[in-house]
Amino acid sequence: MNAEELKKEAREWKDKTIQQRKYLHAHAETGFALDNTLAYVKAELEKMGCAPQLCGRAGLVAMVGGKKPGKVFLLRADMDALPIQEQAEVDFASTNGSMHACGHDMHTAMLLGAARLLKRHEEDICGTVKLMFQPAEEIFEGSADMIRAGLLENPPVEGALMIHVMAGVPFEPGTVIVSGPGVSAPAADYFEIRVKGKGCHGSMPHMGIDPLTAAAHMIIALQEIHARELAMTDRAVLTIGTMHGGTAANAIADVVTMGGSLRTFDEEVRAFIKERMAEIVHSVAKTFRAEAEISFGSGCPTLKNDRELSHDAYRYVKELLGPKMAFSVEELNAGGGSGGASKSAGSEDFAYISQRVPSVMLALAAGQPEKGYCYPQHHPMVKFDNDALDLGSAVYAYTAMRWLEDHAAYPALP
């Protein structure tokens, strides 16, 4: 596969990819409720000659290649938006109360662009590329749902890659940063704590059991896990984000509920904190004569980057983009270019795939602050640079084809 030829073809289709991105952005949908998005992506794939199949509640899978025997490599794009009212000054803004504030419209458009490239070179693919269009990433449920529906089977996937765009970064659009081996995104757990007391008049607290007092002490006690029970190398964040209880200033409530999230980079640390949270919640409640329960909802494990695939992806991206637009995390850290941060604080439900097959996460620069792309992901005014789209498509396609070529039973001749 000729890298320059592939980049040229991606540039030729750039206007089409931008058009698709604008449509997806203007018609943002959330979670699994992606009826319009799903229909649009399916129709676009069918126009290219693909035969997309529904996978799970709202996912799509399409195959490209298979003309030559070989392995199966998966490329993933998430399609869902966030329940945010858009304030970005773009002429294709969403007006329905949902917004692609995390760039998933970019991912979907880039993978559609990659599908066009792969179909053009289908005869040259040394195996099969499986295209994954995923719902519900923002609630950490879409990837697991598609896996349960057979995503990684028929045929079995042997390597996987995801790209995530970044806004507000000082790199030329289309610059790629390849995650190093090991964990690059933390596990996430959402939880709810329900504290049950006994309501009474505020002037007679001895007649009741105050769940707010118990809840306040729980918050303080939970923060002590990080302060006194973890080593300094155990990176973790426990946040209580909501607290609700009572309706009158002169009354003690019956029930208080709290909601929060936990982020961890190690599965053993994750399990330990969750165990201690339950112990603390129940013990503190008992101390104040209340009752309490803690429940953990949606979440995802740590995202693990395979050592060999990480190194391979770095080599392929370097071949495609050149040394000035392709970096590894280790390379940036050595030069101080990433502020010493090799891990993202944001979780990613591609982690479910990374726990099952060799996987790698790439970051794609899509907005420089000096050019007006100042706001971070999940902000109602965030914008992403369309100039990153063609290179993103090329990175998807080239990385998959080169990996399959390198892992073919009979490598392609130079």
Protein backbone atom coordinates (compact mmCIF):
# COMPACT_ATOMS: atom_id res chain seq x y z
CA MET A 1 0.00 0.00 0.00
CA ASN A 2 1.46 3.33 -1.10
CA ALA A 3 1.05 5.92 1.67
CA GLU A 4 1.20 8.98 -0.58
CA GLU A 5 -1.36 7.53 -2.95
CA LEU A 6 -3.74 6.81 -0.07
CA LYS A 7 -3.39 10.33 1.34
CA LYS A 8 -4.04 11.78 -2.13
CA GLU A 9 -7.21 9.72 -2.50
CA ALA A 10 -8.37 10.78 0.96
CA ARG A 11 -7.86 14.43 -0.03
CA GLU A 12 -9.88 13.90 -3.21
CA TRP A 13 -12.81 12.71 -1.09
CA LYS A 14 -12.34 15.33 1.62
CA ASP A 15 -15.34 17.43 0.58
CA LYS A 16 -17.56 14.35 0.75
CA THR A 17 -16.25 13.48 4.21
CA ILE A 18 -16.85 17.04 5.42
CA GLN A 19 -20.39 16.94 4.02
CA GLN A 20 -21.07 13.72 5.92
CA ARG A 21 -19.62 15.12 9.11
CA LYS A 22 -21.79 18.24 8.87
CA TYR A 23 -24.94 16.17 8.38
CA LEU A 24 -24.16 13.97 11.37
CA HIS A 25 -23.35 17.02 13.49
CA ALA A 26 -26.56 18.84 12.61
CA HIS A 27 -28.63 15.75 13.42
CA ALA A 28 -27.02 14.76 16.71
CA GLU A 29 -28.60 11.90 18.66
CA THR A 30 -27.73 10.32 22.01
CA GLY A 31 -27.28 6.90 23.60
CA PHE A 32 -28.99 4.06 21.77
CA ALA A 33 -31.65 6.37 20.26
CA LEU A 34 -29.81 6.81 16.96
CA ASP A 35 -32.55 6.12 14.43
CA ASN A 36 -31.61 8.87 11.98
CA THR A 37 -27.85 8.43 12.44
CA LEU A 38 -28.10 4.68 11.96
CA ALA A 39 -30.18 5.02 8.80
CA TYR A 40 -27.80 7.62 7.35
CA VAL A 41 -24.62 5.63 8.03
CA LYS A 42 -26.20 2.43 6.71
CA ALA A 43 -27.30 4.17 3.49
CA GLU A 44 -23.84 5.72 2.96
CA LEU A 45 -22.15 2.34 3.40
CA GLU A 46 -24.55 0.69 0.99
CA LYS A 47 -23.77 3.37 -1.65
CA MET A 48 -20.12 2.22 -1.47
CA GLY A 49 -21.06 -1.39 -2.04
CA CYS A 50 -20.81 -2.49 1.60
CA ALA A 51 -23.41 -4.71 3.22
CA PRO A 52 -23.76 -3.32 6.78
CA GLN A 53 -25.50 -5.45 9.38
CA LEU A 54 -27.21 -4.38 12.57
CA CYS A 55 -25.28 -5.41 15.68
CA GLY A 56 -26.88 -5.09 19.09
CA ARG A 57 -29.41 -2.41 19.92
CA ALA A 58 -28.13 0.32 17.59
CA GLY A 59 -24.76 -0.67 16.16
CA LEU A 60 -23.61 -1.42 12.62
CA VAL A 61 -20.90 -3.73 11.34
CA ALA A 62 -19.58 -3.88 7.78
CA MET A 63 -16.81 -6.00 6.24
CA VAL A 64 -14.32 -4.91 3.62
CA GLY A 65 -11.76 -7.22 2.04
CA GLY A 66 -11.81 -10.97 2.33
CA LYS A 67 -10.56 -11.44 -1.22
CA LYS A 68 -7.32 -12.80 0.19
CA PRO A 69 -6.98 -15.09 3.21
CA GLY A 70 -5.76 -13.43 6.36
CA LYS A 71 -6.64 -12.06 9.75
CA VAL A 72 -9.41 -9.69 10.79
CA PHE A 73 -8.71 -6.15 11.99
CA LEU A 74 -11.42 -3.98 13.54
CA LEU A 75 -11.77 -0.21 13.14
CA ARG A 76 -14.14 1.52 15.54
CA ALA A 77 -16.07 4.81 15.35
CA ASP A 78 -18.64 5.90 17.93
CA MET A 79 -21.77 7.70 16.70
CA ASP A 80 -23.57 9.12 19.74
CA ALA A 81 -23.71 12.72 20.93
CA LEU A 82 -24.28 14.35 24.32
CA PRO A 83 -27.45 15.90 25.82
CA ILE A 84 -25.96 19.40 25.54
CA GLN A 85 -27.55 22.47 23.93
CA GLU A 86 -25.02 23.57 21.32
CA GLN A 87 -23.58 27.10 21.49
CA ALA A 88 -20.75 26.67 18.98
CA GLU A 89 -20.73 29.20 16.16
CA VAL A 90 -20.88 26.85 13.18
CA ASP A 91 -23.31 26.93 10.27
CA PHE A 92 -24.23 23.27 10.81
CA ALA A 93 -25.00 23.45 14.54
CA SER A 94 -27.48 21.04 16.08
CA THR A 95 -30.71 22.62 17.27
CA ASN A 96 -32.42 19.63 18.91
CA GLY A 97 -30.84 19.86 22.35
CA SER A 98 -28.16 17.27 21.60
CA MET A 99 -24.61 18.07 20.49
CA HIS A 100 -21.57 16.27 19.13
CA ALA A 101 -19.42 17.91 21.79
CA CYS A 102 -16.98 14.99 21.90
CA GLY A 103 -16.31 14.67 18.18
CA HIS A 104 -18.08 11.40 17.50
CA ASP A 105 -19.46 12.90 14.29
CA MET A 106 -15.83 13.32 13.22
CA HIS A 107 -15.08 9.68 14.04
CA THR A 108 -18.07 8.39 12.08
CA ALA A 109 -17.34 10.56 9.05
CA MET A 110 -13.67 9.50 9.09
CA LEU A 111 -14.58 5.82 9.21
CA LEU A 112 -16.98 6.33 6.31
CA GLY A 113 -14.06 7.93 4.48
CA ALA A 114 -11.86 4.98 5.38
CA ALA A 115 -14.53 2.62 4.05
CA ARG A 116 -14.32 4.37 0.66
CA LEU A 117 -10.54 4.00 0.63
CA LEU A 118 -10.70 0.36 1.66
CA LYS A 119 -13.33 -0.49 -0.97
CA ARG A 120 -11.16 1.06 -3.67
CA HIS A 121 -8.24 -1.14 -2.57
CA GLU A 122 -10.29 -4.16 -1.55
CA GLU A 123 -8.37 -6.52 -3.82
CA ASP A 124 -5.14 -5.61 -2.02
CA ILE A 125 -6.33 -6.23 1.55
CA CYS A 126 -4.53 -9.24 3.05
CA GLY A 127 -7.49 -10.35 5.12
CA THR A 128 -10.60 -8.54 6.30
CA VAL A 129 -11.29 -5.14 7.85
CA LYS A 130 -14.33 -5.07 10.13
CA LEU A 131 -15.91 -1.63 10.46
CA MET A 132 -17.64 -0.96 13.79
CA PHE A 133 -20.09 1.94 14.09
CA GLN A 134 -21.01 2.10 17.76
CA PRO A 135 -23.82 3.72 19.79
CA ALA A 136 -23.90 4.76 23.45
CA GLU A 137 -20.21 5.36 24.10
CA GLU A 138 -20.95 8.36 26.31
CA ILE A 139 -22.86 6.14 28.74
CA PHE A 140 -20.30 3.32 28.49
CA GLU A 141 -22.82 0.78 27.22
CA GLY A 142 -22.55 0.57 23.43
CA SER A 143 -19.34 -1.40 23.06
CA ALA A 144 -20.35 -4.09 25.55
CA ASP A 145 -23.76 -4.35 23.86
CA MET A 146 -22.17 -4.97 20.47
CA ILE A 147 -19.74 -7.52 21.92
CA ARG A 148 -22.68 -9.43 23.41
CA ALA A 149 -24.28 -9.39 19.96
CA GLY A 150 -21.24 -11.09 18.40
CA LEU A 151 -19.08 -8.15 17.29
CA LEU A 152 -15.79 -9.94 17.91
CA GLU A 153 -16.93 -13.20 16.28
CA ASN A 154 -17.91 -14.44 12.80
CA PRO A 155 -15.16 -13.84 11.80
CA PRO A 156 -13.14 -13.49 15.00
CA VAL A 157 -11.32 -10.17 15.43
CA GLU A 158 -7.57 -10.37 16.06
CA GLY A 159 -6.65 -6.70 16.39
CA ALA A 160 -8.54 -3.44 16.92
CA LEU A 161 -7.98 0.31 16.68
CA MET A 162 -9.89 3.42 17.69
CA ILE A 163 -9.24 7.11 16.99
CA HIS A 164 -10.38 10.00 19.17
CA VAL A 165 -10.17 13.60 18.00
CA MET A 166 -8.78 16.30 20.29
CA ALA A 167 -9.72 19.98 20.24
CA GLY A 168 -7.69 22.79 21.75
CA VAL A 169 -4.28 21.18 21.24
CA PRO A 170 -1.16 22.83 19.77
CA PHE A 171 -0.69 20.40 16.87
CA GLU A 172 -1.46 20.68 13.17
CA PRO A 173 -4.82 19.11 12.29
CA GLY A 174 -4.34 15.47 11.45
CA THR A 175 -1.35 14.99 13.76
CA VAL A 176 -1.55 11.61 15.50
CA ILE A 177 -0.38 10.61 18.97
CA VAL A 178 -0.15 6.85 19.50
CA SER A 179 -0.83 5.57 23.02
CA GLY A 180 1.98 3.66 24.62
CA PRO A 181 1.70 0.06 25.82
CA GLY A 182 -0.42 -0.47 28.90
CA VAL A 183 -3.34 1.46 30.33
CA SER A 184 -4.11 4.81 28.68
CA ALA A 185 -7.65 5.48 29.92
CA PRO A 186 -9.11 4.76 33.36
CA ALA A 187 -11.91 2.49 34.37
CA ALA A 188 -15.13 4.35 35.18
CA ASP A 189 -17.85 3.48 37.67
CA TYR A 190 -21.00 5.47 38.35
CA PHE A 191 -22.68 4.90 41.68
CA GLU A 192 -25.64 5.98 43.80
CA ILE A 193 -25.81 6.05 47.58
CA ARG A 194 -29.24 6.04 49.23
CA VAL A 195 -29.40 6.97 52.92
CA LYS A 196 -32.65 6.30 54.76
CA GLY A 197 -33.42 8.08 58.04
CA LYS A 198 -36.61 9.08 59.81
CA GLY A 199 -38.25 12.39 59.04
CA CYS A 200 -39.43 14.78 61.73
CA HIS A 201 -39.88 18.46 62.53
CA GLY A 202 -36.65 20.44 62.46
CA SER A 203 -37.24 21.68 66.01
CA MET A 204 -37.32 18.11 67.38
CA PRO A 205 -34.31 16.30 65.82
CA HIS A 206 -34.28 13.76 68.69
CA MET A 207 -37.55 12.41 67.34
CA GLY A 208 -36.04 11.46 64.00
CA ILE A 209 -32.91 10.14 62.28
CA ASP A 210 -31.15 12.69 60.08
CA PRO A 211 -29.96 11.17 56.76
CA LEU A 212 -28.30 14.45 55.73
CA THR A 213 -25.94 14.31 58.70
CA ALA A 214 -25.05 10.71 57.87
CA ALA A 215 -24.56 11.57 54.20
CA ALA A 216 -22.27 14.49 55.07
CA HIS A 217 -20.05 12.22 57.17
CA MET A 218 -20.02 9.65 54.38
CA ILE A 219 -18.65 12.21 51.93
CA ILE A 220 -15.80 13.08 54.29
CA ALA A 221 -15.06 9.43 55.06
CA LEU A 222 -15.04 8.41 51.40
CA GLN A 223 -12.40 11.03 50.61
CA GLU A 224 -10.14 9.41 53.20
CA ILE A 225 -9.81 6.31 51.01
CA HIS A 226 -7.60 8.27 48.64
CA ALA A 227 -5.85 10.22 51.40
CA ARG A 228 -5.01 7.30 53.70
CA GLU A 229 -5.61 3.95 52.05
CA LEU A 230 -3.94 4.23 48.63
CA ALA A 231 -0.28 4.42 47.70
CA MET A 232 0.92 7.61 46.02
CA THR A 233 1.25 5.65 42.76
CA ASP A 234 -2.39 4.49 42.82
CA ARG A 235 -4.02 7.11 40.64
CA ALA A 236 -7.73 7.38 41.42
CA VAL A 237 -10.47 9.99 41.65
CA LEU A 238 -13.69 9.58 43.64
CA THR A 239 -16.26 12.31 43.12
CA ILE A 240 -19.66 12.92 44.70
CA GLY A 241 -21.45 14.98 42.08
CA THR A 242 -25.02 15.13 43.35
CA MET A 243 -26.78 15.22 46.71
CA HIS A 244 -30.55 15.45 47.07
CA GLY A 245 -32.68 15.40 50.17
CA GLY A 246 -35.48 17.27 51.84
CA THR A 247 -38.02 19.79 50.62
CA ALA A 248 -38.44 22.11 53.61
CA ALA A 249 -35.96 24.15 55.64
CA ASN A 250 -37.65 23.29 58.94
CA ALA A 251 -37.93 19.52 58.44
CA ILE A 252 -35.59 16.56 58.62
CA ALA A 253 -35.89 14.44 55.49
CA ASP A 254 -36.62 10.74 55.29
CA VAL A 255 -34.17 9.96 52.50
CA VAL A 256 -31.04 11.44 50.93
CA THR A 257 -29.54 10.25 47.65
CA MET A 258 -26.04 10.96 46.38
CA GLY A 259 -24.54 10.22 42.99
CA GLY A 260 -20.93 10.08 41.97
CA SER A 261 -18.21 8.54 39.86
CA LEU A 262 -14.98 6.65 40.39
CA ARG A 263 -11.98 6.62 38.01
CA THR A 264 -9.08 4.19 38.42
CA PHE A 265 -6.14 3.02 36.31
CA ASP A 266 -5.73 -0.38 37.95
CA GLU A 267 -8.36 -3.11 38.19
CA GLU A 268 -7.18 -4.25 41.64
CA VAL A 269 -7.32 -0.70 42.97
CA ARG A 270 -10.76 -0.36 41.40
CA ALA A 271 -12.05 -3.46 43.21
CA PHE A 272 -10.47 -2.38 46.52
CA ILE A 273 -12.03 1.09 46.44
CA LYS A 274 -15.49 -0.25 45.59
CA GLU A 275 -15.25 -2.73 48.48
CA ARG A 276 -14.16 0.02 50.90
CA MET A 277 -16.90 2.35 49.67
CA ALA A 278 -19.55 -0.21 50.57
CA GLU A 279 -18.00 -0.80 54.00
CA ILE A 280 -17.79 2.93 54.77
CA VAL A 281 -21.33 3.69 53.60
CA HIS A 282 -22.87 0.94 55.72
CA SER A 283 -20.69 1.65 58.78
CA VAL A 284 -21.27 5.41 58.79
CA ALA A 285 -25.00 4.91 58.35
CA LYS A 286 -25.05 2.57 61.32
CA THR A 287 -23.11 5.10 63.41
CA PHE A 288 -25.88 7.64 62.88
CA ARG A 289 -28.74 5.11 63.30
CA ALA A 290 -29.59 5.35 59.59
CA GLU A 291 -29.70 2.73 56.87
CA ALA A 292 -27.84 2.97 53.56
CA GLU A 293 -27.21 1.11 50.34
CA ILE A 294 -24.76 1.75 47.51
CA SER A 295 -25.31 0.58 43.93
CA PHE A 296 -22.95 0.73 40.98
CA GLY A 297 -24.43 1.40 37.55
CA SER A 298 -22.90 1.75 34.10
CA GLY A 299 -19.15 1.93 33.71
CA CYS A 300 -16.21 0.42 31.87
CA PRO A 301 -12.85 -1.19 32.63
CA THR A 302 -9.40 0.24 31.91
CA LEU A 303 -8.36 0.66 28.29
CA LYS A 304 -5.26 -1.45 27.62
CA ASN A 305 -2.97 -0.86 24.66
CA ASP A 306 -1.23 -3.95 23.35
CA ARG A 307 2.56 -3.53 23.29
CA GLU A 308 3.16 -4.98 19.84
CA LEU A 309 0.17 -3.27 18.23
CA SER A 310 1.11 0.06 19.81
CA HIS A 311 4.59 -0.15 18.31
CA ASP A 312 3.21 -1.29 14.95
CA ALA A 313 0.65 1.52 14.83
CA TYR A 314 3.34 4.09 15.58
CA ARG A 315 5.44 2.74 12.71
CA TYR A 316 2.50 2.76 10.27
CA VAL A 317 1.38 6.28 11.20
CA LYS A 318 4.95 7.52 10.84
CA GLU A 319 5.10 5.99 7.36
CA LEU A 320 1.86 7.69 6.40
CA LEU A 321 2.20 11.13 7.97
CA GLY A 322 5.93 11.63 8.39
CA PRO A 323 7.95 12.48 11.52
CA LYS A 324 6.43 15.94 12.00
CA MET A 325 2.85 14.71 12.35
CA ALA A 326 3.18 11.36 14.10
CA PHE A 327 4.27 10.88 17.70
CA SER A 328 4.23 8.26 20.40
CA VAL A 329 3.30 9.20 23.96
CA GLU A 330 6.79 8.13 25.08
CA GLU A 331 8.34 10.42 22.49
CA LEU A 332 6.31 13.42 23.66
CA ASN A 333 6.99 12.69 27.31
CA ALA A 334 10.74 12.46 26.68
CA GLY A 335 10.65 15.88 25.06
CA GLY A 336 8.28 17.39 27.62
CA GLY A 337 5.68 17.92 24.90
CA SER A 338 2.79 16.35 26.78
CA GLY A 339 3.51 17.74 30.18
CA GLY A 340 4.53 14.29 31.37
CA ALA A 341 1.00 12.96 31.05
CA SER A 342 0.82 9.57 29.37
CA LYS A 343 -2.73 8.79 30.42
CA SER A 344 -6.08 10.38 29.76
CA ALA A 345 -8.39 11.23 32.65
CA GLY A 346 -11.41 10.46 30.46
CA SER A 347 -12.71 6.92 30.30
CA GLU A 348 -13.56 5.15 27.04
CA ASP A 349 -15.77 2.13 26.52
CA PHE A 350 -13.52 0.83 23.73
CA ALA A 351 -11.89 -0.56 26.86
CA TYR A 352 -14.25 -3.55 26.68
CA ILE A 353 -12.72 -4.48 23.32
CA SER A 354 -9.18 -3.86 24.58
CA GLN A 355 -9.80 -6.39 27.35
CA ARG A 356 -10.66 -9.05 24.75
CA VAL A 357 -8.32 -8.52 21.76
CA PRO A 358 -5.02 -6.68 21.12
CA SER A 359 -6.02 -3.03 20.74
CA VAL A 360 -4.63 0.48 20.47
CA MET A 361 -6.03 4.00 20.91
CA LEU A 362 -4.86 6.90 18.73
CA ALA A 363 -5.44 10.60 19.40
CA LEU A 364 -5.97 12.85 16.37
CA ALA A 365 -5.39 16.60 16.65
CA ALA A 366 -8.43 18.50 15.35
CA GLY A 367 -8.25 22.09 16.52
CA GLN A 368 -5.48 24.50 17.50
CA PRO A 369 -6.19 27.16 20.16
CA GLU A 370 -4.43 29.84 18.11
CA LYS A 371 -6.92 29.21 15.30
CA GLY A 372 -9.96 29.62 17.52
CA TYR A 373 -10.44 26.03 18.66
CA CYS A 374 -10.16 26.92 22.33
CA TYR A 375 -12.83 24.92 24.09
CA PRO A 376 -12.40 21.37 25.41
CA GLN A 377 -14.52 18.31 24.70
CA HIS A 378 -18.00 18.28 26.28
CA HIS A 379 -18.20 22.08 26.27
CA PRO A 380 -21.25 23.63 24.50
CA MET A 381 -18.91 25.85 22.43
CA VAL A 382 -16.34 23.24 21.39
CA LYS A 383 -15.47 23.07 17.68
CA PHE A 384 -13.40 20.62 15.66
CA ASP A 385 -11.30 21.36 12.58
CA ASN A 386 -12.56 19.71 9.40
CA ASP A 387 -9.01 19.78 8.04
CA ALA A 388 -8.28 16.70 10.16
CA LEU A 389 -10.91 14.55 8.47
CA ASP A 390 -9.08 13.32 5.38
CA LEU A 391 -5.95 12.38 7.32
CA GLY A 392 -8.07 10.63 9.92
CA SER A 393 -9.67 8.53 7.19
CA ALA A 394 -6.25 7.71 5.77
CA VAL A 395 -4.90 6.70 9.19
CA TYR A 396 -7.82 4.34 9.76
CA ALA A 397 -7.43 2.66 6.37
CA TYR A 398 -3.62 2.58 6.16
CA THR A 399 -3.11 1.21 9.67
CA ALA A 400 -5.57 -1.63 9.09
CA MET A 401 -4.12 -2.56 5.70
CA ARG A 402 -0.51 -2.46 6.89
CA TRP A 403 -1.25 -4.55 9.98
CA LEU A 404 -3.02 -7.17 7.90
CA GLU A 405 -0.16 -7.14 5.43
CA ASP A 406 2.42 -7.63 8.20
CA HIS A 407 0.41 -10.48 9.72
CA ALA A 408 -0.49 -12.26 6.49
CA ALA A 409 0.57 -15.86 6.00
CA TYR A 410 2.19 -14.76 2.76
CA PRO A 411 3.31 -11.10 3.02
CA ALA A 412 2.66 -8.93 -0.02
CA LEU A 413 5.59 -8.37 -2.34
CA PRO A 414 7.16 -4.88 -2.24
